[in-house]
Amino acid sequence: MLELAEALRRREGRIFRLPEPERPEDESDLQERHSHTGGDLLRMAARMQGAMRKLGLSDGSALLLSPSHTLEQFVLWLAAVAGGHDMLLAAAPAEGERLVRERAAANGVGAIVCPPAEKDRWRPLAEETGTKLATLGGHWQGAFFMLQMVRPETEMTRTERPGETVFAGGEGRALAALLAAAETLAGRAGLREAPAMVLSAPVLAAPRYLAAALAALITDAPLHWLAPAERERALREWPDLPKGAVLLADAPFLAALTTRRQGAILRKGMRSVDIDGLTEGS
């Protein structure tokens, strides 16, 4: 965990949301900034930990997240596992119900977090299990941001035993294993030599995608974070990137690009890296 925090703190390239959100009125506000340093992500994670405390998460309790794979949700994942909370990932209430019930005998699930538009889908499970329900989507979306306004003075809390990440299928991954996979993937994909990167994948859906997100963040090139739900708009507002920039993405997105006029993006000197092909079987 210490190595990840230090890598983010030393990161030179900025992290951008793609497509670019509306320019904020107050660029000094951490949440509203158009782009972030790695240190900014650590400070945002500290806020997320403060929000989890406000939700009443006890030490060792788990957090259930319905992922939309935004940068903000990734930071919530980082805050949870760094603080020793297991992160349970489920795209639908039926998957979430199984994970919640499996955890009931241990330290339980302290809260369910979902995108704002999904709140009604998750409310029955939250009410049935007596679990708190909060919302977090993308840039400034959801009540979870209001809880972050605690603005903690301290840095992100890191425990000696980070939490485990449990994916929808039930498989778990320790943070150390994900970081090891990220180091390997960064080398195989040539990310350390890239002048810039675009990451677009369902990053919280499978270990290989989460490892790819970590690989992109522990290398120094400027990174554009493109959540799958924002792809259509982003393809219309594609940024100017240097020749040799890397598009790190899942196989279905890359296949769709080659059959559309947006495939020209890849013909302009951009190199594509298929996460699924690099990590087949994981």
C-alpha atoms as a PDB file:
ATOM      1  CA  MET A   1       0.000   0.000   0.000  1.00  0.00           C
ATOM      2  CA  LEU A   2       2.860   2.338   0.833  1.00  0.00           C
ATOM      3  CA  GLU A   3       4.351   1.790  -2.625  1.00  0.00           C
ATOM      4  CA  LEU A   4       1.083   2.741  -4.334  1.00  0.00           C
ATOM      5  CA  ALA A   5       0.693   5.902  -2.284  1.00  0.00           C
ATOM      6  CA  GLU A   6       4.275   6.933  -3.001  1.00  0.00           C
ATOM      7  CA  ALA A   7       3.872   6.228  -6.720  1.00  0.00           C
ATOM      8  CA  LEU A   8       0.809   8.464  -6.826  1.00  0.00           C
ATOM      9  CA  ARG A   9       2.515  11.180  -4.819  1.00  0.00           C
ATOM     10  CA  ARG A  10       5.491  11.194  -7.203  1.00  0.00           C
ATOM     11  CA  ARG A  11       3.349  10.994 -10.345  1.00  0.00           C
ATOM     12  CA  GLU A  12       4.281  13.831 -12.727  1.00  0.00           C
ATOM     13  CA  GLY A  13       1.593  13.487 -15.397  1.00  0.00           C
ATOM     14  CA  ARG A  14      -1.848  14.863 -14.590  1.00  0.00           C
ATOM     15  CA  ILE A  15      -5.059  12.815 -14.607  1.00  0.00           C
ATOM     16  CA  PHE A  16      -7.950  14.112 -16.718  1.00  0.00           C
ATOM     17  CA  ARG A  17     -11.566  13.064 -16.991  1.00  0.00           C
ATOM     18  CA  LEU A  18     -12.620  12.332 -20.570  1.00  0.00           C
ATOM     19  CA  PRO A  19     -14.810  13.918 -21.848  1.00  0.00           C
ATOM     20  CA  GLU A  20     -13.735  17.123 -20.203  1.00  0.00           C
ATOM     21  CA  PRO A  21     -16.287  18.308 -17.636  1.00  0.00           C
ATOM     22  CA  GLU A  22     -17.475  21.881 -17.567  1.00  0.00           C
ATOM     23  CA  ARG A  23     -14.795  24.185 -16.213  1.00  0.00           C
ATOM     24  CA  PRO A  24     -15.410  24.830 -12.529  1.00  0.00           C
ATOM     25  CA  GLU A  25     -16.055  28.216 -10.978  1.00  0.00           C
ATOM     26  CA  ASP A  26     -13.532  27.434  -8.250  1.00  0.00           C
ATOM     27  CA  GLU A  27     -10.518  25.548  -9.577  1.00  0.00           C
ATOM     28  CA  SER A  28      -9.114  25.473  -6.038  1.00  0.00           C
ATOM     29  CA  ASP A  29     -11.840  23.041  -4.925  1.00  0.00           C
ATOM     30  CA  LEU A  30     -10.351  19.561  -5.049  1.00  0.00           C
ATOM     31  CA  GLN A  31     -13.512  17.846  -6.277  1.00  0.00           C
ATOM     32  CA  GLU A  32     -14.311  20.386  -8.996  1.00  0.00           C
ATOM     33  CA  ARG A  33     -10.897  20.546 -10.621  1.00  0.00           C
ATOM     34  CA  HIS A  34     -10.721  19.677 -14.288  1.00  0.00           C
ATOM     35  CA  SER A  35      -7.579  17.611 -13.758  1.00  0.00           C
ATOM     36  CA  HIS A  36      -5.701  16.102 -10.845  1.00  0.00           C
ATOM     37  CA  THR A  37      -2.243  15.178  -9.725  1.00  0.00           C
ATOM     38  CA  GLY A  38      -1.632  11.819  -8.101  1.00  0.00           C
ATOM     39  CA  GLY A  39      -1.409  13.660  -4.790  1.00  0.00           C
ATOM     40  CA  ASP A  40      -4.867  15.089  -5.423  1.00  0.00           C
ATOM     41  CA  LEU A  41      -6.238  11.546  -5.712  1.00  0.00           C
ATOM     42  CA  LEU A  42      -4.701  10.686  -2.347  1.00  0.00           C
ATOM     43  CA  ARG A  43      -6.314  13.747  -0.772  1.00  0.00           C
ATOM     44  CA  MET A  44      -9.630  12.823  -2.377  1.00  0.00           C
ATOM     45  CA  ALA A  45      -9.237   9.319  -0.955  1.00  0.00           C
ATOM     46  CA  ALA A  46      -8.713  10.845   2.495  1.00  0.00           C
ATOM     47  CA  ARG A  47     -12.017  12.674   2.046  1.00  0.00           C
ATOM     48  CA  MET A  48     -13.657   9.446   0.987  1.00  0.00           C
ATOM     49  CA  GLN A  49     -12.425   7.827   4.192  1.00  0.00           C
ATOM     50  CA  GLY A  50     -13.949  10.681   6.146  1.00  0.00           C
ATOM     51  CA  ALA A  51     -17.224  10.120   4.323  1.00  0.00           C
ATOM     52  CA  MET A  52     -17.133   6.433   5.214  1.00  0.00           C
ATOM     53  CA  ARG A  53     -16.652   7.334   8.858  1.00  0.00           C
ATOM     54  CA  LYS A  54     -19.653   9.663   8.637  1.00  0.00           C
ATOM     55  CA  LEU A  55     -21.654   6.767   7.224  1.00  0.00           C
ATOM     56  CA  GLY A  56     -20.714   4.828  10.339  1.00  0.00           C
ATOM     57  CA  LEU A  57     -18.470   2.152   8.841  1.00  0.00           C
ATOM     58  CA  SER A  58     -16.795   0.301  11.679  1.00  0.00           C
ATOM     59  CA  ASP A  59     -13.281  -1.110  11.503  1.00  0.00           C
ATOM     60  CA  GLY A  60     -13.190  -4.157   9.264  1.00  0.00           C
ATOM     61  CA  SER A  61     -16.688  -3.799   7.864  1.00  0.00           C
ATOM     62  CA  ALA A  62     -17.130  -4.137   4.122  1.00  0.00           C
ATOM     63  CA  LEU A  63     -18.435  -1.667   1.559  1.00  0.00           C
ATOM     64  CA  LEU A  64     -20.645  -2.812  -1.328  1.00  0.00           C
ATOM     65  CA  LEU A  65     -20.323  -0.812  -4.547  1.00  0.00           C
ATOM     66  CA  SER A  66     -22.399  -0.950  -7.719  1.00  0.00           C
ATOM     67  CA  PRO A  67     -19.728   0.246 -10.135  1.00  0.00           C
ATOM     68  CA  SER A  68     -20.050   2.691 -13.003  1.00  0.00           C
ATOM     69  CA  HIS A  69     -16.235   2.685 -13.314  1.00  0.00           C
ATOM     70  CA  THR A  70     -15.678   6.414 -12.899  1.00  0.00           C
ATOM     71  CA  LEU A  71     -12.510   7.992 -11.553  1.00  0.00           C
ATOM     72  CA  GLU A  72     -14.386   8.924  -8.379  1.00  0.00           C
ATOM     73  CA  GLN A  73     -15.493   5.342  -7.791  1.00  0.00           C
ATOM     74  CA  PHE A  74     -11.925   4.145  -8.299  1.00  0.00           C
ATOM     75  CA  VAL A  75     -10.804   6.597  -5.606  1.00  0.00           C
ATOM     76  CA  LEU A  76     -13.529   5.241  -3.312  1.00  0.00           C
ATOM     77  CA  TRP A  77     -12.162   1.730  -3.924  1.00  0.00           C
ATOM     78  CA  LEU A  78      -8.660   2.959  -3.057  1.00  0.00           C
ATOM     79  CA  ALA A  79      -9.880   4.684   0.118  1.00  0.00           C
ATOM     80  CA  ALA A  80     -11.752   1.581   1.258  1.00  0.00           C
ATOM     81  CA  VAL A  81      -9.038  -1.023   0.754  1.00  0.00           C
ATOM     82  CA  ALA A  82      -6.305   1.299   2.053  1.00  0.00           C
ATOM     83  CA  GLY A  83      -8.332   1.762   5.216  1.00  0.00           C
ATOM     84  CA  GLY A  84      -8.766  -1.973   5.745  1.00  0.00           C
ATOM     85  CA  HIS A  85     -12.312  -2.326   4.412  1.00  0.00           C
ATOM     86  CA  ASP A  86     -13.153  -5.106   1.983  1.00  0.00           C
ATOM     87  CA  MET A  87     -14.689  -3.758  -1.227  1.00  0.00           C
ATOM     88  CA  LEU A  88     -17.505  -5.893  -2.627  1.00  0.00           C
ATOM     89  CA  LEU A  89     -18.341  -5.192  -6.275  1.00  0.00           C
ATOM     90  CA  ALA A  90     -21.735  -6.088  -7.726  1.00  0.00           C
ATOM     91  CA  ALA A  91     -23.505  -4.716 -10.778  1.00  0.00           C
ATOM     92  CA  ALA A  92     -27.001  -5.835  -9.746  1.00  0.00           C
ATOM     93  CA  PRO A  93     -28.921  -6.201  -6.458  1.00  0.00           C
ATOM     94  CA  ALA A  94     -29.174  -9.994  -6.887  1.00  0.00           C
ATOM     95  CA  GLU A  95     -25.366 -10.244  -6.916  1.00  0.00           C
ATOM     96  CA  GLY A  96     -25.165  -7.777  -4.051  1.00  0.00           C
ATOM     97  CA  GLU A  97     -27.640  -9.715  -1.932  1.00  0.00           C
ATOM     98  CA  ARG A  98     -25.471 -12.824  -2.078  1.00  0.00           C
ATOM     99  CA  LEU A  99     -22.356 -10.875  -1.124  1.00  0.00           C
ATOM    100  CA  VAL A 100     -24.126  -9.096   1.742  1.00  0.00           C
ATOM    101  CA  ARG A 101     -25.483 -12.346   3.166  1.00  0.00           C
ATOM    102  CA  GLU A 102     -22.078 -14.032   2.892  1.00  0.00           C
ATOM    103  CA  ARG A 103     -20.563 -11.196   4.921  1.00  0.00           C
ATOM    104  CA  ALA A 104     -23.267 -11.145   7.602  1.00  0.00           C
ATOM    105  CA  ALA A 105     -21.467 -13.772   9.695  1.00  0.00           C
ATOM    106  CA  ALA A 106     -18.220 -11.776   9.630  1.00  0.00           C
ATOM    107  CA  ASN A 107     -17.996  -8.011  10.161  1.00  0.00           C
ATOM    108  CA  GLY A 108     -20.913  -7.323   7.877  1.00  0.00           C
ATOM    109  CA  VAL A 109     -21.466  -4.679   5.197  1.00  0.00           C
ATOM    110  CA  GLY A 110     -21.472  -1.135   6.506  1.00  0.00           C
ATOM    111  CA  ALA A 111     -22.908   0.617   3.460  1.00  0.00           C
ATOM    112  CA  ILE A 112     -24.058   0.201  -0.121  1.00  0.00           C
ATOM    113  CA  VAL A 113     -22.885   2.822  -2.622  1.00  0.00           C
ATOM    114  CA  CYS A 114     -24.440   3.084  -6.081  1.00  0.00           C
ATOM    115  CA  PRO A 115     -24.789   5.651  -8.891  1.00  0.00           C
ATOM    116  CA  PRO A 116     -27.609   8.153  -8.235  1.00  0.00           C
ATOM    117  CA  ALA A 117     -29.809   6.726 -10.992  1.00  0.00           C
ATOM    118  CA  GLU A 118     -29.712   3.263  -9.371  1.00  0.00           C
ATOM    119  CA  LYS A 119     -30.795   4.268  -5.889  1.00  0.00           C
ATOM    120  CA  ASP A 120     -34.319   2.853  -6.232  1.00  0.00           C
ATOM    121  CA  ARG A 121     -32.910  -0.495  -7.442  1.00  0.00           C
ATOM    122  CA  TRP A 122     -30.739  -0.884  -4.363  1.00  0.00           C
ATOM    123  CA  ARG A 123     -33.080   0.567  -1.750  1.00  0.00           C
ATOM    124  CA  PRO A 124     -34.992  -2.697  -1.063  1.00  0.00           C
ATOM    125  CA  LEU A 125     -31.779  -4.587  -0.294  1.00  0.00           C
ATOM    126  CA  ALA A 126     -30.539  -1.757   1.939  1.00  0.00           C
ATOM    127  CA  GLU A 127     -33.831  -1.655   3.856  1.00  0.00           C
ATOM    128  CA  GLU A 128     -34.064  -5.437   4.184  1.00  0.00           C
ATOM    129  CA  THR A 129     -30.537  -5.766   5.545  1.00  0.00           C
ATOM    130  CA  GLY A 130     -30.489  -2.533   7.545  1.00  0.00           C
ATOM    131  CA  THR A 131     -27.555  -1.238   5.499  1.00  0.00           C
ATOM    132  CA  LYS A 132     -26.958   2.445   4.828  1.00  0.00           C
ATOM    133  CA  LEU A 133     -27.352   3.530   1.203  1.00  0.00           C
ATOM    134  CA  ALA A 134     -25.316   6.320  -0.416  1.00  0.00           C
ATOM    135  CA  THR A 135     -24.837   7.481  -4.007  1.00  0.00           C
ATOM    136  CA  LEU A 136     -21.683   8.160  -5.986  1.00  0.00           C
ATOM    137  CA  GLY A 137     -21.410   8.369  -9.752  1.00  0.00           C
ATOM    138  CA  GLY A 138     -19.001  10.470 -11.742  1.00  0.00           C
ATOM    139  CA  HIS A 139     -17.883  14.076 -11.471  1.00  0.00           C
ATOM    140  CA  TRP A 140     -19.834  15.664  -8.583  1.00  0.00           C
ATOM    141  CA  GLN A 141     -22.656  13.109  -8.921  1.00  0.00           C
ATOM    142  CA  GLY A 142     -24.292  11.805  -5.774  1.00  0.00           C
ATOM    143  CA  ALA A 143     -24.787  12.588  -2.105  1.00  0.00           C
ATOM    144  CA  PHE A 144     -21.477  10.909  -1.211  1.00  0.00           C
ATOM    145  CA  PHE A 145     -19.750  14.122  -2.260  1.00  0.00           C
ATOM    146  CA  MET A 146     -21.584  16.079   0.431  1.00  0.00           C
ATOM    147  CA  LEU A 147     -20.224  13.652   3.032  1.00  0.00           C
ATOM    148  CA  GLN A 148     -16.711  14.358   1.749  1.00  0.00           C
ATOM    149  CA  MET A 149     -16.867  17.962   2.831  1.00  0.00           C
ATOM    150  CA  VAL A 150     -15.277  16.929   6.125  1.00  0.00           C
ATOM    151  CA  ARG A 151     -11.993  17.946   4.423  1.00  0.00           C
ATOM    152  CA  PRO A 152      -9.701  15.898   6.664  1.00  0.00           C
ATOM    153  CA  GLU A 153      -6.427  17.466   7.729  1.00  0.00           C
ATOM    154  CA  THR A 154      -4.603  14.146   7.753  1.00  0.00           C
ATOM    155  CA  GLU A 155      -3.422  12.073   4.810  1.00  0.00           C
ATOM    156  CA  MET A 156      -5.178   8.948   3.600  1.00  0.00           C
ATOM    157  CA  THR A 157      -5.161   6.285   6.314  1.00  0.00           C
ATOM    158  CA  ARG A 158      -3.225   3.151   5.357  1.00  0.00           C
ATOM    159  CA  THR A 159      -3.456  -0.034   7.371  1.00  0.00           C
ATOM    160  CA  GLU A 160      -0.960  -2.874   7.532  1.00  0.00           C
ATOM    161  CA  ARG A 161      -3.711  -5.206   6.321  1.00  0.00           C
ATOM    162  CA  PRO A 162      -5.476  -3.615   3.335  1.00  0.00           C
ATOM    163  CA  GLY A 163      -8.954  -4.802   2.506  1.00  0.00           C
ATOM    164  CA  GLU A 164      -9.695  -7.463  -0.089  1.00  0.00           C
ATOM    165  CA  THR A 165     -11.483  -6.730  -3.356  1.00  0.00           C
ATOM    166  CA  VAL A 166     -14.308  -9.179  -4.067  1.00  0.00           C
ATOM    167  CA  PHE A 167     -15.688  -9.177  -7.594  1.00  0.00           C
ATOM    168  CA  ALA A 168     -19.227 -10.045  -8.662  1.00  0.00           C
ATOM    169  CA  GLY A 169     -18.338 -13.659  -9.384  1.00  0.00           C
ATOM    170  CA  GLY A 170     -17.108 -14.101  -5.823  1.00  0.00           C
ATOM    171  CA  GLU A 171     -13.371 -14.180  -6.530  1.00  0.00           C
ATOM    172  CA  GLY A 172     -11.242 -12.092  -4.192  1.00  0.00           C
ATOM    173  CA  ARG A 173      -7.951 -10.302  -4.792  1.00  0.00           C
ATOM    174  CA  ALA A 174      -5.540  -8.882  -2.268  1.00  0.00           C
ATOM    175  CA  LEU A 175      -4.139  -5.441  -3.014  1.00  0.00           C
ATOM    176  CA  ALA A 176      -0.601  -6.852  -3.230  1.00  0.00           C
ATOM    177  CA  ALA A 177      -1.689  -9.258  -5.975  1.00  0.00           C
ATOM    178  CA  LEU A 178      -3.392  -6.474  -7.934  1.00  0.00           C
ATOM    179  CA  LEU A 179      -0.298  -4.277  -7.683  1.00  0.00           C
ATOM    180  CA  ALA A 180       1.942  -7.127  -8.830  1.00  0.00           C
ATOM    181  CA  ALA A 181      -0.342  -7.688 -11.828  1.00  0.00           C
ATOM    182  CA  ALA A 182      -0.251  -3.943 -12.522  1.00  0.00           C
ATOM    183  CA  GLU A 183       3.550  -3.888 -12.610  1.00  0.00           C
ATOM    184  CA  THR A 184       3.579  -6.806 -15.048  1.00  0.00           C
ATOM    185  CA  LEU A 185       0.890  -5.266 -17.230  1.00  0.00           C
ATOM    186  CA  ALA A 186       2.648  -1.884 -17.342  1.00  0.00           C
ATOM    187  CA  GLY A 187       5.749  -3.580 -18.702  1.00  0.00           C
ATOM    188  CA  ARG A 188       3.941  -5.754 -21.240  1.00  0.00           C
ATOM    189  CA  ALA A 189       1.883  -2.815 -22.513  1.00  0.00           C
ATOM    190  CA  GLY A 190       4.849  -0.456 -22.744  1.00  0.00           C
ATOM    191  CA  LEU A 191       3.137   2.139 -20.584  1.00  0.00           C
ATOM    192  CA  ARG A 192       6.353   3.518 -19.131  1.00  0.00           C
ATOM    193  CA  GLU A 193       7.402   4.728 -22.585  1.00  0.00           C
ATOM    194  CA  ALA A 194       4.019   6.210 -23.526  1.00  0.00           C
ATOM    195  CA  PRO A 195       3.848  10.017 -23.935  1.00  0.00           C
ATOM    196  CA  ALA A 196       0.164   9.957 -22.902  1.00  0.00           C
ATOM    197  CA  MET A 197      -2.556   7.415 -22.146  1.00  0.00           C
ATOM    198  CA  VAL A 198      -6.304   6.967 -22.413  1.00  0.00           C
ATOM    199  CA  LEU A 199      -7.811   4.327 -20.129  1.00  0.00           C
ATOM    200  CA  SER A 200     -11.291   3.058 -20.980  1.00  0.00           C
ATOM    201  CA  ALA A 201     -12.516  -0.156 -19.384  1.00  0.00           C
ATOM    202  CA  PRO A 202     -14.997  -1.408 -16.792  1.00  0.00           C
ATOM    203  CA  VAL A 203     -12.190  -1.045 -14.267  1.00  0.00           C
ATOM    204  CA  LEU A 204     -14.116  -2.400 -11.263  1.00  0.00           C
ATOM    205  CA  ALA A 205     -15.606  -5.398 -13.068  1.00  0.00           C
ATOM    206  CA  ALA A 206     -12.664  -7.822 -13.086  1.00  0.00           C
ATOM    207  CA  PRO A 207      -9.125  -8.129 -11.680  1.00  0.00           C
ATOM    208  CA  ARG A 208      -7.471  -7.533 -15.060  1.00  0.00           C
ATOM    209  CA  TYR A 209      -9.243  -4.199 -15.527  1.00  0.00           C
ATOM    210  CA  LEU A 210      -8.454  -2.996 -12.032  1.00  0.00           C
ATOM    211  CA  ALA A 211      -4.819  -4.006 -12.541  1.00  0.00           C
ATOM    212  CA  ALA A 212      -4.804  -2.015 -15.797  1.00  0.00           C
ATOM    213  CA  ALA A 213      -6.100   1.072 -13.984  1.00  0.00           C
ATOM    214  CA  LEU A 214      -3.392   0.711 -11.361  1.00  0.00           C
ATOM    215  CA  ALA A 215      -0.769   0.227 -14.088  1.00  0.00           C
ATOM    216  CA  ALA A 216      -1.845   3.457 -15.766  1.00  0.00           C
ATOM    217  CA  LEU A 217      -1.690   5.356 -12.487  1.00  0.00           C
ATOM    218  CA  ILE A 218       1.704   4.102 -11.289  1.00  0.00           C
ATOM    219  CA  THR A 219       3.331   5.261 -14.543  1.00  0.00           C
ATOM    220  CA  ASP A 220       4.017   8.932 -15.171  1.00  0.00           C
ATOM    221  CA  ALA A 221       2.398   9.847 -18.500  1.00  0.00           C
ATOM    222  CA  PRO A 222      -0.665  12.127 -18.542  1.00  0.00           C
ATOM    223  CA  LEU A 223      -3.746   9.932 -18.207  1.00  0.00           C
ATOM    224  CA  HIS A 224      -7.234  10.519 -19.622  1.00  0.00           C
ATOM    225  CA  TRP A 225      -9.838   8.485 -17.713  1.00  0.00           C
ATOM    226  CA  LEU A 226     -12.801   7.479 -19.894  1.00  0.00           C
ATOM    227  CA  ALA A 227     -15.622   5.633 -18.131  1.00  0.00           C
ATOM    228  CA  PRO A 228     -17.519   3.287 -20.485  1.00  0.00           C
ATOM    229  CA  ALA A 229     -20.765   5.239 -20.074  1.00  0.00           C
ATOM    230  CA  GLU A 230     -19.069   8.376 -21.450  1.00  0.00           C
ATOM    231  CA  ARG A 231     -17.582   6.829 -24.591  1.00  0.00           C
ATOM    232  CA  GLU A 232     -20.052   8.180 -27.140  1.00  0.00           C
ATOM    233  CA  ARG A 233     -19.576  11.780 -26.088  1.00  0.00           C
ATOM    234  CA  ALA A 234     -15.820  11.366 -25.697  1.00  0.00           C
ATOM    235  CA  LEU A 235     -15.482  10.088 -29.262  1.00  0.00           C
ATOM    236  CA  ARG A 236     -17.039  13.340 -30.447  1.00  0.00           C
ATOM    237  CA  GLU A 237     -14.731  15.441 -28.264  1.00  0.00           C
ATOM    238  CA  TRP A 238     -11.475  13.504 -28.551  1.00  0.00           C
ATOM    239  CA  PRO A 239      -8.460  15.421 -27.186  1.00  0.00           C
ATOM    240  CA  ASP A 240      -5.312  16.180 -29.109  1.00  0.00           C
ATOM    241  CA  LEU A 241      -2.762  13.610 -28.012  1.00  0.00           C
ATOM    242  CA  PRO A 242       0.904  13.192 -28.962  1.00  0.00           C
ATOM    243  CA  LYS A 243       1.920  10.556 -31.484  1.00  0.00           C
ATOM    244  CA  GLY A 244       2.477   7.234 -29.786  1.00  0.00           C
ATOM    245  CA  ALA A 245      -0.148   7.804 -27.107  1.00  0.00           C
ATOM    246  CA  VAL A 246      -1.683   4.571 -25.801  1.00  0.00           C
ATOM    247  CA  LEU A 247      -5.347   3.635 -25.700  1.00  0.00           C
ATOM    248  CA  LEU A 248      -5.617   1.010 -22.947  1.00  0.00           C
ATOM    249  CA  ALA A 249      -9.047  -0.572 -23.292  1.00  0.00           C
ATOM    250  CA  ASP A 250     -11.169  -3.698 -23.186  1.00  0.00           C
ATOM    251  CA  ALA A 251     -11.493  -5.833 -26.306  1.00  0.00           C
ATOM    252  CA  PRO A 252     -15.174  -5.016 -27.087  1.00  0.00           C
ATOM    253  CA  PHE A 253     -14.466  -1.266 -27.162  1.00  0.00           C
ATOM    254  CA  LEU A 254     -11.434  -1.690 -29.402  1.00  0.00           C
ATOM    255  CA  ALA A 255     -13.410  -3.956 -31.739  1.00  0.00           C
ATOM    256  CA  ALA A 256     -16.227  -1.408 -31.924  1.00  0.00           C
ATOM    257  CA  LEU A 257     -13.759   1.346 -32.794  1.00  0.00           C
ATOM    258  CA  THR A 258     -12.415  -0.535 -35.799  1.00  0.00           C
ATOM    259  CA  THR A 259     -15.884  -0.875 -37.324  1.00  0.00           C
ATOM    260  CA  ARG A 260     -16.788   2.804 -36.990  1.00  0.00           C
ATOM    261  CA  ARG A 261     -15.458   6.017 -38.385  1.00  0.00           C
ATOM    262  CA  GLN A 262     -13.936   6.658 -34.958  1.00  0.00           C
ATOM    263  CA  GLY A 263     -11.371   4.052 -35.896  1.00  0.00           C
ATOM    264  CA  ALA A 264      -9.506   7.006 -37.400  1.00  0.00           C
ATOM    265  CA  ILE A 265      -8.468   7.808 -33.842  1.00  0.00           C
ATOM    266  CA  LEU A 266      -6.224   4.765 -33.906  1.00  0.00           C
ATOM    267  CA  ARG A 267      -4.879   5.602 -37.360  1.00  0.00           C
ATOM    268  CA  LYS A 268      -3.558   8.959 -36.163  1.00  0.00           C
ATOM    269  CA  GLY A 269      -0.548   7.441 -34.501  1.00  0.00           C
ATOM    270  CA  MET A 270      -2.312   6.159 -31.407  1.00  0.00           C
ATOM    271  CA  ARG A 271      -1.362   2.699 -30.190  1.00  0.00           C
ATOM    272  CA  SER A 272      -4.085   0.439 -28.826  1.00  0.00           C
ATOM    273  CA  VAL A 273      -3.517  -2.076 -26.041  1.00  0.00           C
ATOM    274  CA  ASP A 274      -6.100  -4.807 -25.502  1.00  0.00           C
ATOM    275  CA  ILE A 275      -6.362  -5.468 -21.757  1.00  0.00           C
ATOM    276  CA  ASP A 276      -8.233  -8.726 -22.373  1.00  0.00           C
ATOM    277  CA  GLY A 277      -5.578  -9.955 -24.777  1.00  0.00           C
ATOM    278  CA  LEU A 278      -2.742  -9.063 -22.410  1.00  0.00           C
ATOM    279  CA  THR A 279      -4.295 -10.852 -19.472  1.00  0.00           C
ATOM    280  CA  GLU A 280      -6.302 -13.611 -21.095  1.00  0.00           C
ATOM    281  CA  GLY A 281      -7.751 -16.007 -18.541  1.00  0.00           C
ATOM    282  CA  SER A 282      -7.487 -13.636 -15.576  1.00  0.00           C
END
